[in-house]
Amino acid sequence: MRAPGASLAVVILFCAAALPAAAQFRNGRPARPDVTLPLGPVRSVILKSCTSCHGIDDLGYHALDRAGWSDVIERMKTTPSGVVTGAAISDPDKEILLDWLVEQFGPDTTPFPREYMPRELSEADFLNDEQAESRLAGTCEACHGLDRVDDMRANEEEWRAILLDMMGRGARLAISDVEPLVEWLARTRGTNPSN
């Protein structure tokens, strides 16, 4: 016969072990990075140039060098659509932001893991051009033009990462649409020279 204290200790240890796993999910969704808005000049730059379109938590998914972060900023500056214009950031502000990004999310840091498992597609999942373009227009054009998608070439993994990143930024895309769009984008806008 066990002492009541031993049983209580086992229950406490079990709950303590289960808590981190349970804490990773909020409302059934995988955990997301929790990036704290910095203090000082970079805070002003972020509030002025970035957060009118998206939050900053997604930064935690990346570990880029200065050139990589500079490319991200340049893409944000050139994303006009009928609804939103590209981000406005001066060269001095860009340098302030780049210094912080490389310090916090540089190539020597560990990016936050994405908790997504691609599903296998059935024959019914494959999209024709009209279906895919309709889904992309309904999703992407809230923040940028489709020309950005049309001009890009990426492999399947890169397209998957881009779609998940856009969903993290607020793109309204059903999780069930991710893999059909990944397949179509890789097929029609892949890295094969014939695409």
N, C-alpha and C. Protein backbone atom coordinates (compact mmCIF):
# COMPACT_ATOMS: atom_id res chain seq x y z
N MET A 1 0.84 -1.18 0.00
CA MET A 1 0.00 0.00 0.00
C MET A 1 0.88 1.24 0.00
N ARG A 2 0.57 2.17 -0.91
CA ARG A 2 1.37 3.38 -1.03
C ARG A 2 0.88 4.45 -0.07
N ALA A 3 1.82 5.29 0.29
CA ALA A 3 1.46 6.42 1.15
C ALA A 3 0.72 7.45 0.30
N PRO A 4 -0.30 8.16 0.87
CA PRO A 4 -1.05 9.16 0.10
C PRO A 4 -0.14 10.24 -0.47
N GLY A 5 0.92 10.55 0.22
CA GLY A 5 1.85 11.58 -0.27
C GLY A 5 2.54 11.18 -1.56
N ALA A 6 2.85 9.88 -1.70
CA ALA A 6 3.52 9.39 -2.91
C ALA A 6 2.61 9.52 -4.12
N SER A 7 1.33 9.19 -3.96
CA SER A 7 0.37 9.32 -5.06
C SER A 7 0.22 10.78 -5.48
N LEU A 8 0.16 11.66 -4.51
CA LEU A 8 0.04 13.08 -4.80
C LEU A 8 1.28 13.59 -5.54
N ALA A 9 2.44 13.10 -5.14
CA ALA A 9 3.67 13.51 -5.81
C ALA A 9 3.67 13.08 -7.27
N VAL A 10 3.19 11.86 -7.55
CA VAL A 10 3.12 11.35 -8.93
C VAL A 10 2.18 12.22 -9.76
N VAL A 11 1.03 12.59 -9.20
CA VAL A 11 0.07 13.44 -9.92
C VAL A 11 0.68 14.80 -10.21
N ILE A 12 1.37 15.38 -9.25
CA ILE A 12 2.00 16.70 -9.45
C ILE A 12 3.06 16.62 -10.52
N LEU A 13 3.89 15.56 -10.49
CA LEU A 13 4.92 15.42 -11.51
C LEU A 13 4.31 15.23 -12.90
N PHE A 14 3.23 14.45 -12.99
CA PHE A 14 2.57 14.25 -14.27
C PHE A 14 2.02 15.57 -14.81
N CYS A 15 1.37 16.35 -13.97
CA CYS A 15 0.80 17.64 -14.39
C CYS A 15 1.90 18.60 -14.81
N ALA A 16 3.01 18.60 -14.08
CA ALA A 16 4.12 19.49 -14.42
C ALA A 16 4.72 19.11 -15.77
N ALA A 17 4.81 17.81 -16.05
CA ALA A 17 5.35 17.36 -17.34
C ALA A 17 4.40 17.66 -18.48
N ALA A 18 3.10 17.55 -18.22
CA ALA A 18 2.10 17.76 -19.27
C ALA A 18 1.89 19.23 -19.57
N LEU A 19 2.16 20.11 -18.63
CA LEU A 19 1.88 21.53 -18.81
C LEU A 19 2.62 22.14 -19.99
N PRO A 20 3.94 21.92 -20.14
CA PRO A 20 4.60 22.54 -21.30
C PRO A 20 3.99 22.11 -22.63
N ALA A 21 3.63 20.83 -22.76
CA ALA A 21 3.03 20.36 -24.02
C ALA A 21 1.67 21.01 -24.21
N ALA A 22 0.87 21.08 -23.16
CA ALA A 22 -0.45 21.70 -23.28
C ALA A 22 -0.32 23.20 -23.52
N ALA A 23 0.71 23.81 -22.96
CA ALA A 23 0.87 25.26 -23.13
C ALA A 23 1.24 25.62 -24.56
N GLN A 24 1.67 24.63 -25.33
CA GLN A 24 2.04 24.92 -26.72
C GLN A 24 0.83 25.17 -27.60
N PHE A 25 -0.35 24.82 -27.15
CA PHE A 25 -1.54 24.98 -27.96
C PHE A 25 -2.52 25.92 -27.29
N ARG A 26 -3.00 26.87 -28.07
CA ARG A 26 -4.04 27.79 -27.61
C ARG A 26 -5.21 27.61 -28.56
N ASN A 27 -6.36 27.26 -28.02
CA ASN A 27 -7.54 27.04 -28.84
C ASN A 27 -7.28 26.01 -29.94
N GLY A 28 -6.48 24.98 -29.63
CA GLY A 28 -6.21 23.93 -30.60
C GLY A 28 -5.20 24.31 -31.66
N ARG A 29 -4.58 25.48 -31.57
CA ARG A 29 -3.60 25.90 -32.56
C ARG A 29 -2.20 25.72 -32.01
N PRO A 30 -1.22 25.45 -32.88
CA PRO A 30 0.15 25.33 -32.41
C PRO A 30 0.63 26.66 -31.81
N ALA A 31 1.61 26.56 -30.94
CA ALA A 31 2.18 27.75 -30.32
C ALA A 31 2.83 28.63 -31.39
N ARG A 32 2.90 29.90 -31.10
CA ARG A 32 3.54 30.87 -32.00
C ARG A 32 4.65 31.57 -31.24
N PRO A 33 5.60 32.15 -31.96
CA PRO A 33 6.62 32.91 -31.25
C PRO A 33 5.99 34.08 -30.51
N ASP A 34 6.61 34.50 -29.45
CA ASP A 34 6.14 35.65 -28.69
C ASP A 34 7.26 36.67 -28.66
N VAL A 35 7.25 37.57 -29.63
CA VAL A 35 8.31 38.57 -29.77
C VAL A 35 7.90 39.83 -29.03
N THR A 36 8.76 40.30 -28.15
CA THR A 36 8.48 41.49 -27.36
C THR A 36 8.89 42.74 -28.14
N LEU A 37 7.99 43.70 -28.20
CA LEU A 37 8.29 44.97 -28.86
C LEU A 37 9.44 45.63 -28.11
N PRO A 38 10.54 45.93 -28.81
CA PRO A 38 11.70 46.48 -28.11
C PRO A 38 11.48 47.93 -27.67
N LEU A 39 12.38 48.41 -26.85
CA LEU A 39 12.38 49.81 -26.42
C LEU A 39 13.33 50.60 -27.31
N GLY A 40 13.32 51.91 -27.16
CA GLY A 40 14.27 52.75 -27.86
C GLY A 40 13.85 53.09 -29.27
N PRO A 41 14.82 53.54 -30.08
CA PRO A 41 14.51 54.00 -31.45
C PRO A 41 13.88 52.94 -32.34
N VAL A 42 14.29 51.67 -32.18
CA VAL A 42 13.74 50.62 -33.05
C VAL A 42 12.24 50.45 -32.80
N ARG A 43 11.80 50.67 -31.57
CA ARG A 43 10.38 50.58 -31.26
C ARG A 43 9.58 51.57 -32.12
N SER A 44 10.08 52.81 -32.19
CA SER A 44 9.40 53.83 -33.00
C SER A 44 9.35 53.43 -34.47
N VAL A 45 10.45 52.88 -34.97
CA VAL A 45 10.50 52.45 -36.37
C VAL A 45 9.47 51.35 -36.62
N ILE A 46 9.41 50.37 -35.74
CA ILE A 46 8.47 49.26 -35.91
C ILE A 46 7.03 49.77 -35.88
N LEU A 47 6.72 50.62 -34.91
CA LEU A 47 5.35 51.13 -34.80
C LEU A 47 4.98 52.01 -35.99
N LYS A 48 5.93 52.73 -36.51
CA LYS A 48 5.67 53.64 -37.62
C LYS A 48 5.60 52.91 -38.97
N SER A 49 6.46 51.91 -39.15
CA SER A 49 6.62 51.33 -40.49
C SER A 49 6.12 49.91 -40.66
N CYS A 50 5.89 49.18 -39.58
CA CYS A 50 5.61 47.74 -39.71
C CYS A 50 4.21 47.33 -39.24
N THR A 51 3.83 47.79 -38.06
CA THR A 51 2.66 47.20 -37.42
C THR A 51 1.32 47.69 -37.95
N SER A 52 1.31 48.58 -38.91
CA SER A 52 0.02 48.95 -39.51
C SER A 52 -0.51 47.82 -40.39
N CYS A 53 0.37 46.91 -40.84
CA CYS A 53 -0.05 45.78 -41.67
C CYS A 53 0.03 44.44 -40.96
N HIS A 54 0.97 44.27 -40.05
CA HIS A 54 1.16 42.96 -39.42
C HIS A 54 1.86 43.12 -38.08
N GLY A 55 1.78 42.07 -37.28
CA GLY A 55 2.47 42.05 -36.00
C GLY A 55 3.93 41.68 -36.18
N ILE A 56 4.64 41.52 -35.06
CA ILE A 56 6.06 41.20 -35.15
C ILE A 56 6.38 39.79 -34.66
N ASP A 57 5.40 39.05 -34.20
CA ASP A 57 5.68 37.70 -33.70
C ASP A 57 6.28 36.79 -34.78
N ASP A 58 5.88 36.99 -36.03
CA ASP A 58 6.38 36.13 -37.11
C ASP A 58 7.88 36.26 -37.32
N LEU A 59 8.48 37.33 -36.82
CA LEU A 59 9.92 37.49 -36.95
C LEU A 59 10.65 36.31 -36.32
N GLY A 60 10.06 35.74 -35.28
CA GLY A 60 10.67 34.63 -34.57
C GLY A 60 10.79 33.36 -35.38
N TYR A 61 10.10 33.28 -36.51
CA TYR A 61 10.20 32.10 -37.37
C TYR A 61 11.45 32.11 -38.24
N HIS A 62 12.19 33.21 -38.23
CA HIS A 62 13.31 33.38 -39.16
C HIS A 62 14.64 33.56 -38.44
N ALA A 63 15.71 33.21 -39.12
CA ALA A 63 17.08 33.43 -38.65
C ALA A 63 17.88 33.85 -39.88
N LEU A 64 17.82 35.14 -40.22
CA LEU A 64 18.41 35.64 -41.46
C LEU A 64 19.61 36.55 -41.20
N ASP A 65 20.49 36.63 -42.18
CA ASP A 65 21.59 37.58 -42.08
C ASP A 65 21.10 38.97 -42.52
N ARG A 66 21.98 39.95 -42.50
CA ARG A 66 21.59 41.33 -42.81
C ARG A 66 21.01 41.45 -44.22
N ALA A 67 21.62 40.76 -45.17
CA ALA A 67 21.12 40.81 -46.55
C ALA A 67 19.72 40.19 -46.65
N GLY A 68 19.51 39.09 -45.93
CA GLY A 68 18.19 38.45 -45.94
C GLY A 68 17.12 39.35 -45.36
N TRP A 69 17.40 39.98 -44.21
CA TRP A 69 16.43 40.89 -43.60
C TRP A 69 16.22 42.12 -44.48
N SER A 70 17.28 42.59 -45.14
CA SER A 70 17.14 43.73 -46.04
C SER A 70 16.20 43.39 -47.19
N ASP A 71 16.31 42.17 -47.72
CA ASP A 71 15.40 41.73 -48.78
C ASP A 71 13.95 41.71 -48.29
N VAL A 72 13.74 41.24 -47.06
CA VAL A 72 12.39 41.21 -46.49
C VAL A 72 11.83 42.63 -46.41
N ILE A 73 12.62 43.56 -45.93
CA ILE A 73 12.16 44.95 -45.81
C ILE A 73 11.86 45.53 -47.19
N GLU A 74 12.71 45.26 -48.15
CA GLU A 74 12.47 45.78 -49.51
C GLU A 74 11.19 45.21 -50.10
N ARG A 75 10.90 43.93 -49.83
CA ARG A 75 9.64 43.34 -50.31
C ARG A 75 8.45 44.03 -49.66
N MET A 76 8.58 44.34 -48.37
CA MET A 76 7.49 45.03 -47.67
C MET A 76 7.27 46.44 -48.23
N LYS A 77 8.34 47.05 -48.70
CA LYS A 77 8.23 48.41 -49.26
C LYS A 77 7.57 48.41 -50.63
N THR A 78 7.58 47.27 -51.31
CA THR A 78 7.08 47.23 -52.69
C THR A 78 5.89 46.28 -52.81
N THR A 79 4.95 46.38 -51.88
CA THR A 79 3.80 45.48 -51.93
C THR A 79 2.49 46.25 -52.05
N PRO A 80 2.39 47.17 -53.01
CA PRO A 80 1.12 47.90 -53.12
C PRO A 80 0.01 47.02 -53.67
N SER A 81 -1.17 47.26 -53.17
CA SER A 81 -2.37 46.62 -53.72
C SER A 81 -3.44 47.70 -53.77
N GLY A 82 -4.62 47.33 -54.13
CA GLY A 82 -5.69 48.31 -54.15
C GLY A 82 -6.11 48.75 -52.76
N VAL A 83 -5.70 47.98 -51.74
CA VAL A 83 -6.13 48.26 -50.37
C VAL A 83 -5.00 48.85 -49.54
N VAL A 84 -3.80 48.30 -49.68
CA VAL A 84 -2.68 48.69 -48.83
C VAL A 84 -1.50 49.08 -49.71
N THR A 85 -0.81 50.15 -49.32
CA THR A 85 0.42 50.52 -50.02
C THR A 85 1.59 49.88 -49.30
N GLY A 86 2.74 49.83 -49.96
CA GLY A 86 3.91 49.24 -49.34
C GLY A 86 4.35 50.02 -48.12
N ALA A 87 5.16 49.37 -47.29
CA ALA A 87 5.65 50.00 -46.06
C ALA A 87 6.53 51.20 -46.41
N ALA A 88 6.40 52.25 -45.63
CA ALA A 88 7.23 53.44 -45.79
C ALA A 88 8.28 53.43 -44.70
N ILE A 89 9.55 53.41 -45.11
CA ILE A 89 10.64 53.43 -44.14
C ILE A 89 11.83 54.16 -44.75
N SER A 90 12.37 55.10 -44.01
CA SER A 90 13.52 55.86 -44.50
C SER A 90 14.78 55.00 -44.40
N ASP A 91 15.83 55.39 -45.11
CA ASP A 91 17.09 54.64 -45.05
C ASP A 91 17.67 54.60 -43.63
N PRO A 92 17.70 55.73 -42.91
CA PRO A 92 18.22 55.64 -41.53
C PRO A 92 17.37 54.72 -40.64
N ASP A 93 16.04 54.78 -40.79
CA ASP A 93 15.17 53.89 -40.00
C ASP A 93 15.40 52.43 -40.39
N LYS A 94 15.63 52.19 -41.67
CA LYS A 94 15.88 50.82 -42.12
C LYS A 94 17.14 50.27 -41.45
N GLU A 95 18.17 51.09 -41.33
CA GLU A 95 19.41 50.65 -40.69
C GLU A 95 19.19 50.33 -39.22
N ILE A 96 18.40 51.16 -38.54
CA ILE A 96 18.07 50.90 -37.13
C ILE A 96 17.35 49.57 -37.01
N LEU A 97 16.37 49.35 -37.88
CA LEU A 97 15.60 48.11 -37.86
C LEU A 97 16.49 46.91 -38.18
N LEU A 98 17.35 47.04 -39.19
CA LEU A 98 18.24 45.94 -39.57
C LEU A 98 19.17 45.56 -38.43
N ASP A 99 19.73 46.55 -37.73
CA ASP A 99 20.61 46.25 -36.59
C ASP A 99 19.89 45.37 -35.57
N TRP A 100 18.65 45.73 -35.25
CA TRP A 100 17.88 44.98 -34.26
C TRP A 100 17.51 43.60 -34.78
N LEU A 101 17.06 43.51 -36.04
CA LEU A 101 16.66 42.22 -36.60
C LEU A 101 17.82 41.23 -36.61
N VAL A 102 19.00 41.68 -37.01
CA VAL A 102 20.15 40.78 -37.07
C VAL A 102 20.59 40.38 -35.67
N GLU A 103 20.48 41.29 -34.72
CA GLU A 103 20.85 40.97 -33.33
C GLU A 103 19.88 39.94 -32.73
N GLN A 104 18.58 40.14 -32.97
CA GLN A 104 17.56 39.28 -32.37
C GLN A 104 17.25 38.02 -33.17
N PHE A 105 17.31 38.13 -34.50
CA PHE A 105 16.87 37.03 -35.39
C PHE A 105 17.89 36.80 -36.51
N GLY A 106 19.16 36.87 -36.15
CA GLY A 106 20.23 36.68 -37.12
C GLY A 106 20.51 35.22 -37.40
N PRO A 107 21.50 34.95 -38.26
CA PRO A 107 21.77 33.57 -38.68
C PRO A 107 22.28 32.68 -37.55
N ASP A 108 22.74 33.26 -36.45
CA ASP A 108 23.23 32.45 -35.33
C ASP A 108 22.14 32.14 -34.32
N THR A 109 20.92 32.61 -34.56
CA THR A 109 19.81 32.35 -33.65
C THR A 109 19.05 31.10 -34.12
N THR A 110 18.19 30.60 -33.27
CA THR A 110 17.38 29.43 -33.61
C THR A 110 15.96 29.88 -33.88
N PRO A 111 15.47 29.70 -35.10
CA PRO A 111 14.09 30.12 -35.38
C PRO A 111 13.08 29.26 -34.64
N PHE A 112 11.95 29.86 -34.35
CA PHE A 112 10.84 29.15 -33.70
C PHE A 112 10.34 28.09 -34.67
N PRO A 113 10.11 26.85 -34.21
CA PRO A 113 9.68 25.80 -35.15
C PRO A 113 8.23 25.99 -35.60
N ARG A 114 7.99 25.65 -36.83
CA ARG A 114 6.63 25.68 -37.36
C ARG A 114 6.02 24.30 -37.13
N GLU A 115 4.84 24.26 -36.57
CA GLU A 115 4.19 23.00 -36.25
C GLU A 115 3.14 22.70 -37.31
N TYR A 116 3.58 22.23 -38.46
CA TYR A 116 2.66 21.95 -39.55
C TYR A 116 3.08 20.65 -40.22
N MET A 117 2.14 19.76 -40.43
CA MET A 117 2.42 18.51 -41.12
C MET A 117 1.66 18.51 -42.44
N PRO A 118 2.38 18.50 -43.57
CA PRO A 118 1.69 18.46 -44.86
C PRO A 118 0.86 17.19 -44.99
N ARG A 119 -0.30 17.32 -45.61
CA ARG A 119 -1.15 16.15 -45.81
C ARG A 119 -1.00 15.66 -47.24
N GLU A 120 -1.32 14.39 -47.45
CA GLU A 120 -1.29 13.84 -48.80
C GLU A 120 -2.53 14.31 -49.55
N LEU A 121 -2.34 14.60 -50.82
CA LEU A 121 -3.45 15.08 -51.64
C LEU A 121 -4.16 13.92 -52.32
N SER A 122 -5.47 14.06 -52.43
CA SER A 122 -6.25 13.11 -53.22
C SER A 122 -6.43 13.73 -54.60
N GLU A 123 -6.97 12.96 -55.49
CA GLU A 123 -7.19 13.46 -56.85
C GLU A 123 -8.10 14.69 -56.86
N ALA A 124 -9.05 14.73 -55.95
CA ALA A 124 -9.99 15.85 -55.87
C ALA A 124 -9.33 17.15 -55.38
N ASP A 125 -8.14 17.03 -54.76
CA ASP A 125 -7.47 18.21 -54.21
C ASP A 125 -6.74 19.04 -55.27
N PHE A 126 -6.39 18.44 -56.40
CA PHE A 126 -5.60 19.14 -57.39
C PHE A 126 -6.42 20.28 -58.01
N LEU A 127 -5.78 21.43 -58.10
CA LEU A 127 -6.46 22.64 -58.58
C LEU A 127 -6.11 22.92 -60.03
N ASN A 128 -7.11 23.41 -60.77
CA ASN A 128 -6.80 23.94 -62.10
C ASN A 128 -6.43 25.41 -61.92
N ASP A 129 -5.99 26.05 -63.00
CA ASP A 129 -5.52 27.43 -62.91
C ASP A 129 -6.59 28.38 -62.37
N GLU A 130 -7.80 28.23 -62.85
CA GLU A 130 -8.88 29.13 -62.44
C GLU A 130 -9.17 29.01 -60.94
N GLN A 131 -9.23 27.77 -60.44
CA GLN A 131 -9.50 27.56 -59.01
C GLN A 131 -8.37 28.14 -58.15
N ALA A 132 -7.14 27.85 -58.53
CA ALA A 132 -5.99 28.32 -57.74
C ALA A 132 -5.91 29.85 -57.75
N GLU A 133 -6.07 30.44 -58.92
CA GLU A 133 -5.98 31.90 -59.02
C GLU A 133 -7.10 32.58 -58.24
N SER A 134 -8.28 31.98 -58.22
CA SER A 134 -9.38 32.52 -57.44
C SER A 134 -9.08 32.49 -55.95
N ARG A 135 -8.52 31.37 -55.47
CA ARG A 135 -8.17 31.27 -54.04
C ARG A 135 -7.06 32.24 -53.67
N LEU A 136 -6.08 32.38 -54.54
CA LEU A 136 -4.99 33.31 -54.27
C LEU A 136 -5.48 34.75 -54.26
N ALA A 137 -6.35 35.08 -55.21
CA ALA A 137 -6.87 36.46 -55.26
C ALA A 137 -7.64 36.78 -53.99
N GLY A 138 -8.44 35.85 -53.53
CA GLY A 138 -9.23 36.08 -52.33
C GLY A 138 -8.39 36.16 -51.07
N THR A 139 -7.18 35.61 -51.12
CA THR A 139 -6.32 35.57 -49.95
C THR A 139 -5.25 36.65 -49.97
N CYS A 140 -4.53 36.75 -51.08
CA CYS A 140 -3.32 37.57 -51.14
C CYS A 140 -3.59 39.06 -51.33
N GLU A 141 -4.61 39.38 -52.12
CA GLU A 141 -4.79 40.77 -52.52
C GLU A 141 -5.23 41.70 -51.40
N ALA A 142 -5.50 41.16 -50.23
CA ALA A 142 -5.81 42.04 -49.10
C ALA A 142 -4.59 42.86 -48.71
N CYS A 143 -3.39 42.33 -48.99
CA CYS A 143 -2.16 43.04 -48.59
C CYS A 143 -1.24 43.40 -49.76
N HIS A 144 -1.25 42.62 -50.83
CA HIS A 144 -0.35 42.91 -51.94
C HIS A 144 -0.94 42.37 -53.24
N GLY A 145 -0.40 42.83 -54.34
CA GLY A 145 -0.87 42.40 -55.64
C GLY A 145 -0.44 40.98 -55.98
N LEU A 146 -1.17 40.34 -56.89
CA LEU A 146 -0.82 38.98 -57.31
C LEU A 146 0.41 38.94 -58.19
N ASP A 147 0.83 40.10 -58.70
CA ASP A 147 2.04 40.13 -59.52
C ASP A 147 3.24 39.62 -58.72
N ARG A 148 3.22 39.83 -57.44
CA ARG A 148 4.28 39.35 -56.56
C ARG A 148 4.34 37.82 -56.58
N VAL A 149 3.19 37.17 -56.60
CA VAL A 149 3.13 35.71 -56.67
C VAL A 149 3.50 35.25 -58.08
N ASP A 150 2.97 35.94 -59.09
CA ASP A 150 3.23 35.55 -60.48
C ASP A 150 4.71 35.63 -60.84
N ASP A 151 5.42 36.60 -60.26
CA ASP A 151 6.83 36.79 -60.61
C ASP A 151 7.78 35.89 -59.84
N MET A 152 7.29 35.25 -58.80
CA MET A 152 8.16 34.46 -57.93
C MET A 152 8.29 33.03 -58.42
N ARG A 153 9.46 32.45 -58.19
CA ARG A 153 9.70 31.04 -58.49
C ARG A 153 10.27 30.40 -57.23
N ALA A 154 9.69 29.27 -56.81
CA ALA A 154 10.12 28.60 -55.59
C ALA A 154 9.78 27.12 -55.70
N ASN A 155 10.47 26.32 -54.90
CA ASN A 155 10.15 24.89 -54.88
C ASN A 155 9.00 24.65 -53.91
N GLU A 156 8.60 23.38 -53.79
CA GLU A 156 7.43 23.04 -52.98
C GLU A 156 7.61 23.46 -51.52
N GLU A 157 8.77 23.16 -50.94
CA GLU A 157 9.00 23.52 -49.53
C GLU A 157 8.97 25.04 -49.34
N GLU A 158 9.55 25.77 -50.29
CA GLU A 158 9.57 27.23 -50.17
C GLU A 158 8.16 27.81 -50.28
N TRP A 159 7.35 27.28 -51.21
CA TRP A 159 5.97 27.76 -51.33
C TRP A 159 5.19 27.46 -50.06
N ARG A 160 5.41 26.27 -49.47
CA ARG A 160 4.73 25.91 -48.23
C ARG A 160 5.10 26.90 -47.12
N ALA A 161 6.40 27.18 -47.01
CA ALA A 161 6.86 28.12 -45.97
C ALA A 161 6.26 29.51 -46.19
N ILE A 162 6.16 29.93 -47.45
CA ILE A 162 5.60 31.25 -47.75
C ILE A 162 4.12 31.30 -47.37
N LEU A 163 3.36 30.29 -47.76
CA LEU A 163 1.93 30.28 -47.43
C LEU A 163 1.70 30.26 -45.91
N LEU A 164 2.46 29.43 -45.20
CA LEU A 164 2.31 29.38 -43.74
C LEU A 164 2.71 30.71 -43.11
N ASP A 165 3.75 31.33 -43.66
CA ASP A 165 4.18 32.64 -43.16
C ASP A 165 3.09 33.68 -43.38
N MET A 166 2.47 33.66 -44.55
CA MET A 166 1.39 34.63 -44.83
C MET A 166 0.19 34.38 -43.92
N MET A 167 -0.11 33.11 -43.64
CA MET A 167 -1.20 32.82 -42.71
C MET A 167 -0.87 33.37 -41.32
N GLY A 168 0.39 33.24 -40.94
CA GLY A 168 0.82 33.79 -39.66
C GLY A 168 0.70 35.30 -39.61
N ARG A 169 0.76 35.93 -40.77
CA ARG A 169 0.64 37.39 -40.85
C ARG A 169 -0.82 37.83 -40.97
N GLY A 170 -1.72 36.87 -41.03
CA GLY A 170 -3.14 37.22 -41.06
C GLY A 170 -3.86 36.89 -42.35
N ALA A 171 -3.17 36.27 -43.33
CA ALA A 171 -3.85 35.90 -44.58
C ALA A 171 -4.97 34.93 -44.28
N ARG A 172 -6.13 35.18 -44.86
CA ARG A 172 -7.30 34.33 -44.63
C ARG A 172 -7.29 33.18 -45.63
N LEU A 173 -6.65 32.10 -45.21
CA LEU A 173 -6.52 30.91 -46.04
C LEU A 173 -6.83 29.71 -45.17
N ALA A 174 -7.75 28.89 -45.63
CA ALA A 174 -8.10 27.69 -44.88
C ALA A 174 -6.91 26.73 -44.89
N ILE A 175 -6.66 26.08 -43.77
CA ILE A 175 -5.54 25.14 -43.68
C ILE A 175 -5.69 24.02 -44.71
N SER A 176 -6.93 23.69 -45.06
CA SER A 176 -7.17 22.64 -46.06
C SER A 176 -6.76 23.08 -47.47
N ASP A 177 -6.61 24.40 -47.68
CA ASP A 177 -6.21 24.91 -48.99
C ASP A 177 -4.70 24.99 -49.16
N VAL A 178 -3.94 24.83 -48.08
CA VAL A 178 -2.49 25.03 -48.17
C VAL A 178 -1.85 24.04 -49.14
N GLU A 179 -2.05 22.75 -48.92
CA GLU A 179 -1.36 21.76 -49.77
C GLU A 179 -1.81 21.79 -51.23
N PRO A 180 -3.11 21.95 -51.52
CA PRO A 180 -3.48 22.09 -52.94
C PRO A 180 -2.80 23.30 -53.60
N LEU A 181 -2.71 24.42 -52.86
CA LEU A 181 -2.04 25.59 -53.43
C LEU A 181 -0.53 25.38 -53.55
N VAL A 182 0.07 24.71 -52.58
CA VAL A 182 1.50 24.40 -52.66
C VAL A 182 1.78 23.58 -53.91
N GLU A 183 0.97 22.56 -54.14
CA GLU A 183 1.17 21.70 -55.32
C GLU A 183 1.03 22.52 -56.59
N TRP A 184 -0.01 23.35 -56.69
CA TRP A 184 -0.24 24.14 -57.89
C TRP A 184 0.87 25.18 -58.09
N LEU A 185 1.27 25.86 -57.02
CA LEU A 185 2.33 26.87 -57.14
C LEU A 185 3.65 26.23 -57.55
N ALA A 186 3.98 25.09 -56.96
CA ALA A 186 5.23 24.42 -57.33
C ALA A 186 5.18 23.93 -58.77
N ARG A 187 3.99 23.53 -59.22
CA ARG A 187 3.84 23.04 -60.60
C ARG A 187 3.89 24.18 -61.60
N THR A 188 3.26 25.31 -61.28
CA THR A 188 3.16 26.41 -62.26
C THR A 188 4.15 27.54 -62.02
N ARG A 189 4.68 27.64 -60.80
CA ARG A 189 5.63 28.71 -60.46
C ARG A 189 6.81 28.11 -59.69
N GLY A 190 7.23 26.96 -60.16
CA GLY A 190 8.34 26.25 -59.51
C GLY A 190 9.68 26.70 -60.04
N THR A 191 10.70 25.96 -59.68
CA THR A 191 12.06 26.34 -60.08
C THR A 191 12.49 25.67 -61.38
N ASN A 192 11.64 24.82 -61.93
CA ASN A 192 11.91 24.19 -63.23
C ASN A 192 11.96 25.28 -64.31
N PRO A 193 12.96 25.30 -65.17
CA PRO A 193 13.07 26.36 -66.19
C PRO A 193 11.85 26.51 -67.08
N SER A 194 11.03 25.46 -67.24
CA SER A 194 9.86 25.56 -68.10
C SER A 194 8.70 26.28 -67.41
N ASN A 195 8.79 26.54 -66.10
CA ASN A 195 7.70 27.22 -65.38
C ASN A 195 7.70 28.69 -65.67
